[in-house]
């Protein structure tokens, strides 16, 4: 449960907004980003913008080339998308296995908060926030299972998939799928949690 408002650094706020723009489609695949225009938009110097673009490149949302600059990454072809799904499943199945008996009441309260965000976003028709809440749910589990090391393997795969992942816009079952994962984990049932996770990641 949240007990205090978290102070979010400016760079993180900028990164989150650009990330949201990409998820929402306001920044299209292959669209070039202009450092000066972004600096003016966010009221900062180009230094923080360069840091943010580097961060988003590491996440897989942007691609950066020498003497060209950063642009939104391209859409994956279907075969590569399937490969990404397979890799992501393996990482999250590993996480589920390693979470057995480890999640606390505080963890489940945090997951419930994310699920409420997910439901609220669906109710509001805010599919960018739906996507972000979806990612936060899975990131929470991956982090609890393997810390930053496992998240650093998982995160670029998930963000890269989001460039052409439309199922979340089409299915309100997304909330129930995530609730099924959380409920299986609450019951410490690894088999059911894995099955629920497999049904969600496709």
N, C-alpha and C. Protein backbone atom coordinates (compact mmCIF):
# COMPACT_ATOMS: atom_id res chain seq x y z
N UNK A 1 0.85 -1.20 0.00
CA UNK A 1 0.00 0.00 0.00
C UNK A 1 0.88 1.25 0.00
N UNK A 2 0.44 2.27 -0.71
CA UNK A 2 1.21 3.50 -0.75
C UNK A 2 0.99 4.29 0.53
N UNK A 3 2.07 4.75 1.13
CA UNK A 3 1.95 5.53 2.36
C UNK A 3 2.37 6.97 2.15
N UNK A 4 3.06 7.26 1.01
CA UNK A 4 3.49 8.62 0.75
C UNK A 4 3.65 8.81 -0.74
N UNK A 5 3.50 10.05 -1.18
CA UNK A 5 3.70 10.36 -2.58
C UNK A 5 5.19 10.30 -2.91
N UNK A 6 5.50 9.63 -3.99
CA UNK A 6 6.89 9.49 -4.40
C UNK A 6 7.28 10.69 -5.26
N UNK A 7 8.45 11.26 -4.97
CA UNK A 7 8.97 12.36 -5.78
C UNK A 7 9.67 11.75 -7.00
N UNK A 8 9.16 12.07 -8.20
CA UNK A 8 9.68 11.48 -9.43
C UNK A 8 10.65 12.46 -10.09
N UNK A 9 11.90 12.07 -10.32
CA UNK A 9 12.87 12.95 -10.97
C UNK A 9 12.38 13.40 -12.35
N UNK A 10 12.84 14.59 -12.76
CA UNK A 10 12.40 15.16 -14.04
C UNK A 10 12.72 14.22 -15.20
N UNK A 11 13.93 13.64 -15.21
CA UNK A 11 14.30 12.73 -16.30
C UNK A 11 13.32 11.56 -16.39
N UNK A 12 12.93 11.04 -15.23
CA UNK A 12 11.99 9.91 -15.22
C UNK A 12 10.61 10.34 -15.72
N UNK A 13 10.19 11.56 -15.38
CA UNK A 13 8.91 12.07 -15.87
C UNK A 13 8.93 12.22 -17.40
N UNK A 14 10.04 12.73 -17.92
CA UNK A 14 10.17 12.90 -19.38
C UNK A 14 10.17 11.55 -20.07
N UNK A 15 10.94 10.61 -19.51
CA UNK A 15 10.99 9.26 -20.09
C UNK A 15 9.61 8.62 -20.10
N UNK A 16 8.87 8.80 -19.03
CA UNK A 16 7.53 8.20 -18.94
C UNK A 16 6.59 8.81 -19.97
N UNK A 17 6.71 10.12 -20.21
CA UNK A 17 5.84 10.77 -21.18
C UNK A 17 6.16 10.32 -22.60
N UNK A 18 7.46 10.24 -22.94
CA UNK A 18 7.83 9.78 -24.28
C UNK A 18 7.43 8.32 -24.45
N UNK A 19 7.63 7.53 -23.41
CA UNK A 19 7.22 6.12 -23.43
C UNK A 19 5.72 6.02 -23.70
N UNK A 20 4.94 6.86 -23.02
CA UNK A 20 3.49 6.88 -23.22
C UNK A 20 3.13 7.29 -24.64
N UNK A 21 3.85 8.26 -25.19
CA UNK A 21 3.60 8.72 -26.56
C UNK A 21 3.83 7.59 -27.56
N UNK A 22 4.86 6.77 -27.31
CA UNK A 22 5.14 5.65 -28.21
C UNK A 22 4.08 4.57 -28.07
N UNK A 23 3.72 4.24 -26.83
CA UNK A 23 2.69 3.21 -26.59
C UNK A 23 1.36 3.63 -27.21
N UNK A 24 1.03 4.93 -27.10
CA UNK A 24 -0.24 5.44 -27.62
C UNK A 24 -0.24 5.58 -29.14
N UNK A 25 0.95 5.53 -29.75
CA UNK A 25 1.03 5.71 -31.20
C UNK A 25 1.18 7.15 -31.62
N UNK A 26 1.30 8.07 -30.65
CA UNK A 26 1.51 9.48 -30.99
C UNK A 26 2.89 9.68 -31.61
N UNK A 27 3.83 8.85 -31.26
CA UNK A 27 5.13 8.77 -31.93
C UNK A 27 5.14 7.44 -32.69
N UNK A 28 5.18 7.51 -33.99
CA UNK A 28 5.02 6.31 -34.82
C UNK A 28 6.33 5.57 -35.00
N UNK A 29 6.26 4.26 -35.31
CA UNK A 29 7.47 3.51 -35.62
C UNK A 29 8.30 4.22 -36.69
N UNK A 30 9.62 4.26 -36.47
CA UNK A 30 10.60 4.87 -37.38
C UNK A 30 10.61 6.39 -37.35
N UNK A 31 9.75 7.02 -36.53
CA UNK A 31 9.73 8.48 -36.46
C UNK A 31 10.98 8.99 -35.74
N UNK A 32 11.64 9.97 -36.35
CA UNK A 32 12.86 10.53 -35.78
C UNK A 32 12.52 11.52 -34.67
N UNK A 33 13.32 11.50 -33.60
CA UNK A 33 13.13 12.40 -32.49
C UNK A 33 14.16 13.52 -32.54
N UNK A 34 13.70 14.73 -32.34
CA UNK A 34 14.57 15.90 -32.39
C UNK A 34 14.90 16.36 -30.97
N UNK A 35 16.18 16.32 -30.61
CA UNK A 35 16.58 16.66 -29.24
C UNK A 35 16.16 18.07 -28.85
N UNK A 36 16.38 19.03 -29.75
CA UNK A 36 16.06 20.42 -29.42
C UNK A 36 14.56 20.62 -29.24
N UNK A 37 13.78 19.97 -30.10
CA UNK A 37 12.32 20.09 -29.99
C UNK A 37 11.84 19.49 -28.67
N UNK A 38 12.42 18.37 -28.28
CA UNK A 38 12.04 17.74 -27.01
C UNK A 38 12.47 18.59 -25.83
N UNK A 39 13.67 19.18 -25.93
CA UNK A 39 14.15 20.06 -24.85
C UNK A 39 13.21 21.24 -24.67
N UNK A 40 12.75 21.81 -25.77
CA UNK A 40 11.80 22.94 -25.70
C UNK A 40 10.46 22.50 -25.14
N UNK A 41 10.02 21.34 -25.56
CA UNK A 41 8.73 20.82 -25.09
C UNK A 41 8.71 20.64 -23.58
N UNK A 42 9.80 20.09 -23.04
CA UNK A 42 9.83 19.77 -21.61
C UNK A 42 10.52 20.84 -20.77
N UNK A 43 11.01 21.89 -21.41
CA UNK A 43 11.61 22.99 -20.66
C UNK A 43 12.91 22.64 -19.98
N UNK A 44 13.73 21.82 -20.64
CA UNK A 44 15.02 21.42 -20.08
C UNK A 44 16.10 21.61 -21.15
N UNK A 45 17.37 21.44 -20.74
CA UNK A 45 18.46 21.48 -21.70
C UNK A 45 18.51 20.17 -22.48
N UNK A 46 19.37 20.11 -23.48
CA UNK A 46 19.47 18.90 -24.29
C UNK A 46 20.15 17.75 -23.54
N UNK A 47 20.91 18.07 -22.47
CA UNK A 47 21.58 17.02 -21.70
C UNK A 47 20.63 15.98 -21.13
N UNK A 48 19.61 16.41 -20.37
CA UNK A 48 18.65 15.43 -19.84
C UNK A 48 17.91 14.67 -20.95
N UNK A 49 17.65 15.35 -22.07
CA UNK A 49 16.98 14.68 -23.18
C UNK A 49 17.85 13.56 -23.74
N UNK A 50 19.15 13.83 -23.87
CA UNK A 50 20.06 12.78 -24.34
C UNK A 50 20.05 11.58 -23.39
N UNK A 51 20.03 11.86 -22.08
CA UNK A 51 19.99 10.78 -21.10
C UNK A 51 18.72 9.94 -21.26
N UNK A 52 17.60 10.62 -21.47
CA UNK A 52 16.32 9.93 -21.63
C UNK A 52 16.31 9.10 -22.90
N UNK A 53 16.81 9.65 -23.99
CA UNK A 53 16.83 8.91 -25.26
C UNK A 53 17.72 7.68 -25.15
N UNK A 54 18.83 7.80 -24.41
CA UNK A 54 19.70 6.64 -24.18
C UNK A 54 18.97 5.58 -23.37
N UNK A 55 18.24 6.01 -22.34
CA UNK A 55 17.49 5.08 -21.51
C UNK A 55 16.44 4.34 -22.33
N UNK A 56 15.70 5.07 -23.16
CA UNK A 56 14.64 4.45 -23.96
C UNK A 56 15.21 3.58 -25.07
N UNK A 57 16.43 3.88 -25.50
CA UNK A 57 17.10 3.00 -26.47
C UNK A 57 17.44 1.67 -25.80
N UNK A 58 17.94 1.74 -24.57
CA UNK A 58 18.25 0.51 -23.81
C UNK A 58 16.99 -0.32 -23.57
N UNK A 59 15.85 0.38 -23.44
CA UNK A 59 14.58 -0.32 -23.22
C UNK A 59 14.05 -0.98 -24.49
N UNK A 60 14.60 -0.61 -25.64
CA UNK A 60 14.14 -1.20 -26.89
C UNK A 60 13.09 -0.39 -27.62
N UNK A 61 12.66 0.74 -27.04
CA UNK A 61 11.65 1.55 -27.69
C UNK A 61 12.23 2.44 -28.80
N UNK A 62 13.48 2.83 -28.64
CA UNK A 62 14.15 3.67 -29.62
C UNK A 62 15.35 2.94 -30.20
N UNK A 63 15.79 3.41 -31.35
CA UNK A 63 17.04 2.93 -31.93
C UNK A 63 17.87 4.16 -32.24
N UNK A 64 19.16 4.09 -31.94
CA UNK A 64 20.04 5.23 -32.13
C UNK A 64 21.18 4.86 -33.05
N UNK A 65 21.43 5.74 -34.05
CA UNK A 65 22.52 5.52 -35.00
C UNK A 65 23.43 6.73 -35.03
N UNK A 66 24.73 6.48 -35.17
CA UNK A 66 25.70 7.57 -35.21
C UNK A 66 25.39 8.53 -36.35
N UNK A 67 25.46 9.82 -36.06
CA UNK A 67 25.24 10.88 -37.03
C UNK A 67 23.81 10.94 -37.57
N UNK A 68 22.94 10.14 -37.00
CA UNK A 68 21.53 10.15 -37.42
C UNK A 68 20.62 10.55 -36.27
N UNK A 69 20.95 10.10 -35.07
CA UNK A 69 20.14 10.40 -33.91
C UNK A 69 19.20 9.26 -33.57
N UNK A 70 18.25 9.54 -32.71
CA UNK A 70 17.32 8.51 -32.21
C UNK A 70 16.00 8.57 -32.96
N UNK A 71 15.43 7.41 -33.16
CA UNK A 71 14.11 7.31 -33.76
C UNK A 71 13.36 6.17 -33.08
N UNK A 72 12.04 6.17 -33.22
CA UNK A 72 11.22 5.10 -32.65
C UNK A 72 11.56 3.80 -33.37
N UNK A 73 11.68 2.74 -32.63
CA UNK A 73 12.05 1.46 -33.22
C UNK A 73 10.96 0.99 -34.18
N UNK A 74 11.36 0.11 -35.10
CA UNK A 74 10.42 -0.40 -36.09
C UNK A 74 9.54 -1.49 -35.50
N UNK A 75 8.47 -1.80 -36.19
CA UNK A 75 7.58 -2.88 -35.78
C UNK A 75 8.24 -4.22 -36.11
N UNK A 76 8.14 -5.15 -35.18
CA UNK A 76 8.71 -6.49 -35.40
C UNK A 76 7.91 -7.25 -36.44
N UNK A 77 8.60 -8.07 -37.25
CA UNK A 77 7.86 -8.95 -38.15
C UNK A 77 7.25 -10.08 -37.32
N UNK A 78 6.24 -10.77 -37.83
CA UNK A 78 5.52 -11.78 -37.05
C UNK A 78 6.41 -12.87 -36.43
N UNK A 79 7.43 -13.32 -37.16
CA UNK A 79 8.29 -14.37 -36.63
C UNK A 79 9.09 -13.89 -35.43
N UNK A 80 9.60 -12.66 -35.51
CA UNK A 80 10.34 -12.11 -34.38
C UNK A 80 9.43 -11.83 -33.20
N UNK A 81 8.19 -11.42 -33.49
CA UNK A 81 7.23 -11.20 -32.41
C UNK A 81 6.95 -12.50 -31.66
N UNK A 82 6.81 -13.59 -32.40
CA UNK A 82 6.59 -14.89 -31.77
C UNK A 82 7.80 -15.29 -30.93
N UNK A 83 9.00 -14.99 -31.43
CA UNK A 83 10.21 -15.30 -30.67
C UNK A 83 10.24 -14.49 -29.38
N UNK A 84 9.89 -13.21 -29.45
CA UNK A 84 9.85 -12.35 -28.27
C UNK A 84 8.85 -12.90 -27.24
N UNK A 85 7.70 -13.34 -27.71
CA UNK A 85 6.69 -13.91 -26.81
C UNK A 85 7.25 -15.13 -26.10
N UNK A 86 7.94 -15.99 -26.85
CA UNK A 86 8.51 -17.21 -26.27
C UNK A 86 9.57 -16.88 -25.21
N UNK A 87 10.44 -15.92 -25.52
CA UNK A 87 11.48 -15.53 -24.56
C UNK A 87 10.85 -14.92 -23.31
N UNK A 88 9.87 -14.04 -23.52
CA UNK A 88 9.21 -13.41 -22.38
C UNK A 88 8.54 -14.46 -21.50
N UNK A 89 7.85 -15.41 -22.10
CA UNK A 89 7.20 -16.46 -21.31
C UNK A 89 8.22 -17.22 -20.46
N UNK A 90 9.36 -17.55 -21.05
CA UNK A 90 10.37 -18.31 -20.30
C UNK A 90 10.86 -17.53 -19.09
N UNK A 91 11.08 -16.23 -19.28
CA UNK A 91 11.53 -15.40 -18.16
C UNK A 91 10.46 -15.35 -17.07
N UNK A 92 9.21 -15.16 -17.46
CA UNK A 92 8.16 -15.02 -16.46
C UNK A 92 7.79 -16.36 -15.83
N UNK A 93 7.90 -17.46 -16.58
CA UNK A 93 7.70 -18.77 -15.97
C UNK A 93 8.77 -19.01 -14.91
N UNK A 94 10.00 -18.61 -15.22
CA UNK A 94 11.10 -18.71 -14.25
C UNK A 94 10.76 -17.89 -13.00
N UNK A 95 10.21 -16.68 -13.22
CA UNK A 95 9.85 -15.82 -12.09
C UNK A 95 8.78 -16.47 -11.22
N UNK A 96 7.75 -17.00 -11.85
CA UNK A 96 6.66 -17.65 -11.10
C UNK A 96 7.21 -18.79 -10.25
N UNK A 97 8.07 -19.61 -10.84
CA UNK A 97 8.67 -20.74 -10.11
C UNK A 97 9.42 -20.26 -8.88
N UNK A 98 10.14 -19.13 -9.03
CA UNK A 98 10.97 -18.64 -7.94
C UNK A 98 10.20 -17.80 -6.92
N UNK A 99 8.92 -17.55 -7.19
CA UNK A 99 8.11 -16.78 -6.24
C UNK A 99 7.38 -17.66 -5.23
N UNK A 100 7.43 -18.97 -5.43
CA UNK A 100 6.66 -19.86 -4.56
C UNK A 100 7.03 -19.65 -3.10
N UNK A 101 6.00 -19.33 -2.29
CA UNK A 101 6.18 -19.15 -0.86
C UNK A 101 6.84 -17.85 -0.45
N UNK A 102 7.09 -16.95 -1.40
CA UNK A 102 7.86 -15.74 -1.09
C UNK A 102 7.02 -14.46 -1.01
N UNK A 103 5.85 -14.44 -1.64
CA UNK A 103 5.06 -13.22 -1.67
C UNK A 103 4.33 -13.01 -0.35
N UNK A 104 4.32 -11.76 0.12
CA UNK A 104 3.72 -11.41 1.40
C UNK A 104 2.38 -10.71 1.20
N UNK A 105 1.68 -10.46 2.30
CA UNK A 105 0.42 -9.70 2.22
C UNK A 105 0.66 -8.31 1.61
N UNK A 106 1.81 -7.73 1.92
CA UNK A 106 2.15 -6.41 1.36
C UNK A 106 2.31 -6.50 -0.16
N UNK A 107 2.91 -7.59 -0.63
CA UNK A 107 3.05 -7.78 -2.07
C UNK A 107 1.69 -7.91 -2.75
N UNK A 108 0.81 -8.67 -2.14
CA UNK A 108 -0.51 -8.84 -2.75
C UNK A 108 -1.33 -7.55 -2.71
N UNK A 109 -1.11 -6.73 -1.69
CA UNK A 109 -1.77 -5.42 -1.64
C UNK A 109 -1.25 -4.54 -2.78
N UNK A 110 0.05 -4.62 -3.05
CA UNK A 110 0.62 -3.84 -4.16
C UNK A 110 0.09 -4.33 -5.50
N UNK A 111 -0.04 -5.63 -5.66
CA UNK A 111 -0.61 -6.18 -6.89
C UNK A 111 -2.07 -5.79 -7.05
N UNK A 112 -2.82 -5.78 -5.94
CA UNK A 112 -4.22 -5.35 -5.98
C UNK A 112 -4.34 -3.89 -6.42
N UNK A 113 -3.40 -3.06 -5.96
CA UNK A 113 -3.39 -1.65 -6.38
C UNK A 113 -3.20 -1.53 -7.89
N UNK A 114 -2.29 -2.33 -8.43
CA UNK A 114 -2.04 -2.30 -9.87
C UNK A 114 -3.27 -2.80 -10.63
N UNK A 115 -3.89 -3.86 -10.12
CA UNK A 115 -5.09 -4.39 -10.76
C UNK A 115 -6.22 -3.36 -10.76
N UNK A 116 -6.31 -2.57 -9.69
CA UNK A 116 -7.33 -1.53 -9.65
C UNK A 116 -7.03 -0.45 -10.69
N UNK A 117 -5.75 -0.10 -10.84
CA UNK A 117 -5.34 0.85 -11.88
C UNK A 117 -5.72 0.31 -13.26
N UNK A 118 -5.51 -0.98 -13.46
CA UNK A 118 -5.83 -1.62 -14.73
C UNK A 118 -7.33 -1.54 -15.01
N UNK A 119 -8.13 -1.86 -13.99
CA UNK A 119 -9.58 -1.81 -14.15
C UNK A 119 -10.06 -0.38 -14.41
N UNK A 120 -9.53 0.57 -13.65
CA UNK A 120 -9.92 1.97 -13.83
C UNK A 120 -9.57 2.47 -15.23
N UNK A 121 -8.39 2.06 -15.73
CA UNK A 121 -7.98 2.49 -17.06
C UNK A 121 -8.89 1.92 -18.13
N UNK A 122 -9.29 0.65 -17.97
CA UNK A 122 -10.25 0.07 -18.90
C UNK A 122 -11.59 0.80 -18.85
N UNK A 123 -12.04 1.10 -17.64
CA UNK A 123 -13.32 1.80 -17.48
C UNK A 123 -13.28 3.18 -18.14
N UNK A 124 -12.09 3.82 -18.10
CA UNK A 124 -11.92 5.15 -18.68
C UNK A 124 -11.60 5.11 -20.17
N UNK A 125 -11.37 3.91 -20.70
CA UNK A 125 -10.98 3.78 -22.10
C UNK A 125 -9.59 4.32 -22.38
N UNK A 126 -8.74 4.36 -21.35
CA UNK A 126 -7.38 4.89 -21.47
C UNK A 126 -6.43 3.71 -21.72
N UNK A 127 -6.24 3.37 -22.99
CA UNK A 127 -5.49 2.16 -23.31
C UNK A 127 -3.98 2.33 -23.13
N UNK A 128 -3.51 3.57 -23.13
CA UNK A 128 -2.11 3.79 -22.79
C UNK A 128 -1.86 3.43 -21.33
N UNK A 129 -2.76 3.87 -20.44
CA UNK A 129 -2.62 3.53 -19.02
C UNK A 129 -2.88 2.05 -18.79
N UNK A 130 -3.77 1.44 -19.58
CA UNK A 130 -3.97 -0.01 -19.50
C UNK A 130 -2.65 -0.73 -19.75
N UNK A 131 -1.97 -0.32 -20.81
CA UNK A 131 -0.70 -0.94 -21.16
C UNK A 131 0.34 -0.76 -20.06
N UNK A 132 0.41 0.46 -19.51
CA UNK A 132 1.41 0.74 -18.46
C UNK A 132 1.12 -0.05 -17.19
N UNK A 133 -0.15 -0.16 -16.83
CA UNK A 133 -0.52 -0.95 -15.64
C UNK A 133 -0.22 -2.43 -15.88
N UNK A 134 -0.51 -2.91 -17.07
CA UNK A 134 -0.21 -4.29 -17.45
C UNK A 134 1.28 -4.57 -17.26
N UNK A 135 2.12 -3.68 -17.81
CA UNK A 135 3.57 -3.86 -17.70
C UNK A 135 4.01 -3.80 -16.23
N UNK A 136 3.44 -2.87 -15.47
CA UNK A 136 3.81 -2.74 -14.06
C UNK A 136 3.49 -4.00 -13.26
N UNK A 137 2.37 -4.65 -13.59
CA UNK A 137 1.98 -5.89 -12.90
C UNK A 137 3.05 -6.96 -13.10
N UNK A 138 3.44 -7.17 -14.35
CA UNK A 138 4.42 -8.20 -14.66
C UNK A 138 5.80 -7.82 -14.14
N UNK A 139 6.14 -6.53 -14.24
CA UNK A 139 7.44 -6.09 -13.74
C UNK A 139 7.55 -6.35 -12.24
N UNK A 140 6.46 -6.13 -11.51
CA UNK A 140 6.48 -6.35 -10.07
C UNK A 140 6.87 -7.79 -9.75
N UNK A 141 6.27 -8.73 -10.47
CA UNK A 141 6.54 -10.14 -10.22
C UNK A 141 7.96 -10.51 -10.62
N UNK A 142 8.39 -10.00 -11.76
CA UNK A 142 9.76 -10.30 -12.22
C UNK A 142 10.79 -9.75 -11.24
N UNK A 143 10.54 -8.52 -10.75
CA UNK A 143 11.48 -7.93 -9.80
C UNK A 143 11.51 -8.70 -8.49
N UNK A 144 10.34 -9.09 -7.99
CA UNK A 144 10.31 -9.85 -6.74
C UNK A 144 11.03 -11.19 -6.88
N UNK A 145 11.02 -11.74 -8.08
CA UNK A 145 11.65 -13.05 -8.29
C UNK A 145 13.16 -12.96 -8.50
N UNK A 146 13.61 -11.88 -9.16
CA UNK A 146 15.02 -11.84 -9.51
C UNK A 146 15.69 -10.49 -9.45
N UNK A 147 15.00 -9.50 -8.90
CA UNK A 147 15.59 -8.18 -8.74
C UNK A 147 15.89 -7.50 -10.07
N UNK A 148 16.77 -6.49 -10.01
CA UNK A 148 17.09 -5.71 -11.20
C UNK A 148 17.72 -6.56 -12.30
N UNK A 149 18.48 -7.57 -11.92
CA UNK A 149 19.16 -8.39 -12.92
C UNK A 149 18.15 -9.07 -13.85
N UNK A 150 17.09 -9.63 -13.29
CA UNK A 150 16.08 -10.30 -14.11
C UNK A 150 15.24 -9.27 -14.85
N UNK A 151 14.91 -8.16 -14.20
CA UNK A 151 14.15 -7.10 -14.87
C UNK A 151 14.90 -6.58 -16.09
N UNK A 152 16.21 -6.44 -15.97
CA UNK A 152 17.01 -5.92 -17.08
C UNK A 152 17.03 -6.85 -18.28
N UNK A 153 16.84 -8.14 -18.05
CA UNK A 153 16.67 -9.09 -19.16
C UNK A 153 15.29 -8.99 -19.78
N UNK A 154 14.30 -8.83 -18.93
CA UNK A 154 12.89 -8.89 -19.33
C UNK A 154 12.38 -7.59 -19.96
N UNK A 155 12.77 -6.46 -19.41
CA UNK A 155 12.15 -5.19 -19.77
C UNK A 155 12.29 -4.81 -21.25
N UNK A 156 13.49 -4.90 -21.86
CA UNK A 156 13.58 -4.54 -23.28
C UNK A 156 12.71 -5.40 -24.19
N UNK A 157 12.54 -6.67 -23.81
CA UNK A 157 11.70 -7.56 -24.61
C UNK A 157 10.25 -7.11 -24.57
N UNK A 158 9.77 -6.80 -23.38
CA UNK A 158 8.37 -6.37 -23.23
C UNK A 158 8.11 -5.05 -23.96
N UNK A 159 9.02 -4.09 -23.79
CA UNK A 159 8.81 -2.79 -24.42
C UNK A 159 8.88 -2.89 -25.94
N UNK A 160 9.77 -3.72 -26.44
CA UNK A 160 9.87 -3.91 -27.90
C UNK A 160 8.60 -4.53 -28.45
N UNK A 161 8.03 -5.49 -27.72
CA UNK A 161 6.78 -6.12 -28.14
C UNK A 161 5.64 -5.12 -28.25
N UNK A 162 5.66 -4.09 -27.40
CA UNK A 162 4.53 -3.17 -27.33
C UNK A 162 4.36 -2.31 -28.58
N UNK A 163 5.39 -2.26 -29.43
CA UNK A 163 5.30 -1.45 -30.63
C UNK A 163 4.27 -2.00 -31.62
N UNK A 164 3.99 -3.30 -31.54
CA UNK A 164 2.96 -3.84 -32.44
C UNK A 164 2.07 -4.84 -31.73
N UNK A 165 1.80 -4.56 -30.46
CA UNK A 165 0.99 -5.47 -29.65
C UNK A 165 -0.38 -4.83 -29.44
N UNK A 166 -1.40 -5.33 -30.15
CA UNK A 166 -2.71 -4.70 -30.14
C UNK A 166 -3.76 -5.44 -29.32
N UNK A 167 -3.45 -6.66 -28.86
CA UNK A 167 -4.48 -7.45 -28.18
C UNK A 167 -5.04 -6.74 -26.96
N UNK A 168 -4.19 -5.98 -26.27
CA UNK A 168 -4.63 -5.33 -25.04
C UNK A 168 -5.71 -4.27 -25.30
N UNK A 169 -5.75 -3.76 -26.54
CA UNK A 169 -6.77 -2.77 -26.89
C UNK A 169 -8.12 -3.45 -27.15
N UNK A 170 -8.10 -4.73 -27.40
CA UNK A 170 -9.28 -5.41 -27.92
C UNK A 170 -9.98 -6.30 -26.89
N UNK A 171 -9.35 -6.55 -25.75
CA UNK A 171 -9.91 -7.54 -24.84
C UNK A 171 -9.98 -7.06 -23.40
N UNK A 172 -11.21 -6.85 -22.92
CA UNK A 172 -11.39 -6.48 -21.52
C UNK A 172 -11.09 -7.66 -20.61
N UNK A 173 -10.89 -8.86 -21.19
CA UNK A 173 -10.51 -10.02 -20.41
C UNK A 173 -9.13 -9.85 -19.77
N UNK A 174 -8.41 -8.83 -20.24
CA UNK A 174 -7.06 -8.58 -19.70
C UNK A 174 -7.08 -8.48 -18.18
N UNK A 175 -8.06 -7.79 -17.62
CA UNK A 175 -8.13 -7.63 -16.16
C UNK A 175 -8.32 -8.99 -15.49
N UNK A 176 -9.26 -9.79 -16.00
CA UNK A 176 -9.51 -11.10 -15.41
C UNK A 176 -8.30 -12.02 -15.53
N UNK A 177 -7.56 -11.91 -16.64
CA UNK A 177 -6.36 -12.72 -16.81
C UNK A 177 -5.33 -12.40 -15.73
N UNK A 178 -5.17 -11.12 -15.45
CA UNK A 178 -4.20 -10.73 -14.42
C UNK A 178 -4.70 -11.10 -13.02
N UNK A 179 -5.99 -11.00 -12.80
CA UNK A 179 -6.54 -11.41 -11.50
C UNK A 179 -6.32 -12.90 -11.28
N UNK A 180 -6.43 -13.68 -12.36
CA UNK A 180 -6.22 -15.13 -12.25
C UNK A 180 -4.77 -15.44 -11.86
N UNK A 181 -3.84 -14.69 -12.42
CA UNK A 181 -2.42 -14.88 -12.04
C UNK A 181 -2.23 -14.56 -10.56
N UNK A 182 -2.77 -13.41 -10.14
CA UNK A 182 -2.61 -12.99 -8.74
C UNK A 182 -3.26 -13.97 -7.78
N UNK A 183 -4.45 -14.48 -8.14
CA UNK A 183 -5.16 -15.41 -7.26
C UNK A 183 -4.41 -16.73 -7.12
N UNK A 184 -3.85 -17.22 -8.23
CA UNK A 184 -3.08 -18.46 -8.16
C UNK A 184 -1.83 -18.28 -7.30
N UNK A 185 -1.20 -17.11 -7.42
CA UNK A 185 -0.03 -16.83 -6.57
C UNK A 185 -0.44 -16.71 -5.11
N UNK A 186 -1.59 -16.11 -4.86
CA UNK A 186 -2.09 -15.97 -3.48
C UNK A 186 -2.31 -17.35 -2.86
N UNK A 187 -2.74 -18.30 -3.70
CA UNK A 187 -2.95 -19.67 -3.24
C UNK A 187 -1.67 -20.50 -3.28
N UNK A 188 -0.57 -19.85 -3.69
CA UNK A 188 0.75 -20.50 -3.79
C UNK A 188 0.70 -21.71 -4.71
N UNK A 189 -0.10 -21.57 -5.79
CA UNK A 189 -0.26 -22.65 -6.76
C UNK A 189 0.53 -22.31 -8.02
N UNK A 190 1.74 -22.81 -8.08
CA UNK A 190 2.63 -22.48 -9.19
C UNK A 190 2.07 -22.96 -10.52
N UNK A 191 1.47 -24.13 -10.52
CA UNK A 191 0.94 -24.70 -11.78
C UNK A 191 -0.17 -23.82 -12.34
N UNK A 192 -1.10 -23.40 -11.49
CA UNK A 192 -2.19 -22.55 -11.96
C UNK A 192 -1.68 -21.17 -12.36
N UNK A 193 -0.72 -20.65 -11.62
CA UNK A 193 -0.15 -19.34 -11.96
C UNK A 193 0.53 -19.37 -13.31
N UNK A 194 1.25 -20.46 -13.58
CA UNK A 194 1.93 -20.60 -14.87
C UNK A 194 0.92 -20.70 -16.01
N UNK A 195 -0.15 -21.48 -15.79
CA UNK A 195 -1.19 -21.61 -16.82
C UNK A 195 -1.88 -20.27 -17.09
N UNK A 196 -2.15 -19.53 -16.01
CA UNK A 196 -2.80 -18.22 -16.16
C UNK A 196 -1.87 -17.25 -16.88
N UNK A 197 -0.60 -17.32 -16.59
CA UNK A 197 0.38 -16.46 -17.24
C UNK A 197 0.48 -16.80 -18.72
N UNK A 198 0.50 -18.08 -19.05
CA UNK A 198 0.56 -18.51 -20.45
C UNK A 198 -0.65 -18.00 -21.22
N UNK A 199 -1.81 -18.01 -20.58
CA UNK A 199 -3.04 -17.53 -21.24
C UNK A 199 -2.98 -16.03 -21.48
N UNK A 200 -2.26 -15.31 -20.62
CA UNK A 200 -2.18 -13.86 -20.73
C UNK A 200 -1.15 -13.40 -21.77
N UNK A 201 -0.02 -14.08 -21.84
CA UNK A 201 1.05 -13.68 -22.76
C UNK A 201 0.89 -14.45 -24.06
N UNK A 202 0.30 -13.81 -25.04
CA UNK A 202 0.11 -14.46 -26.35
C UNK A 202 -0.09 -13.43 -27.44
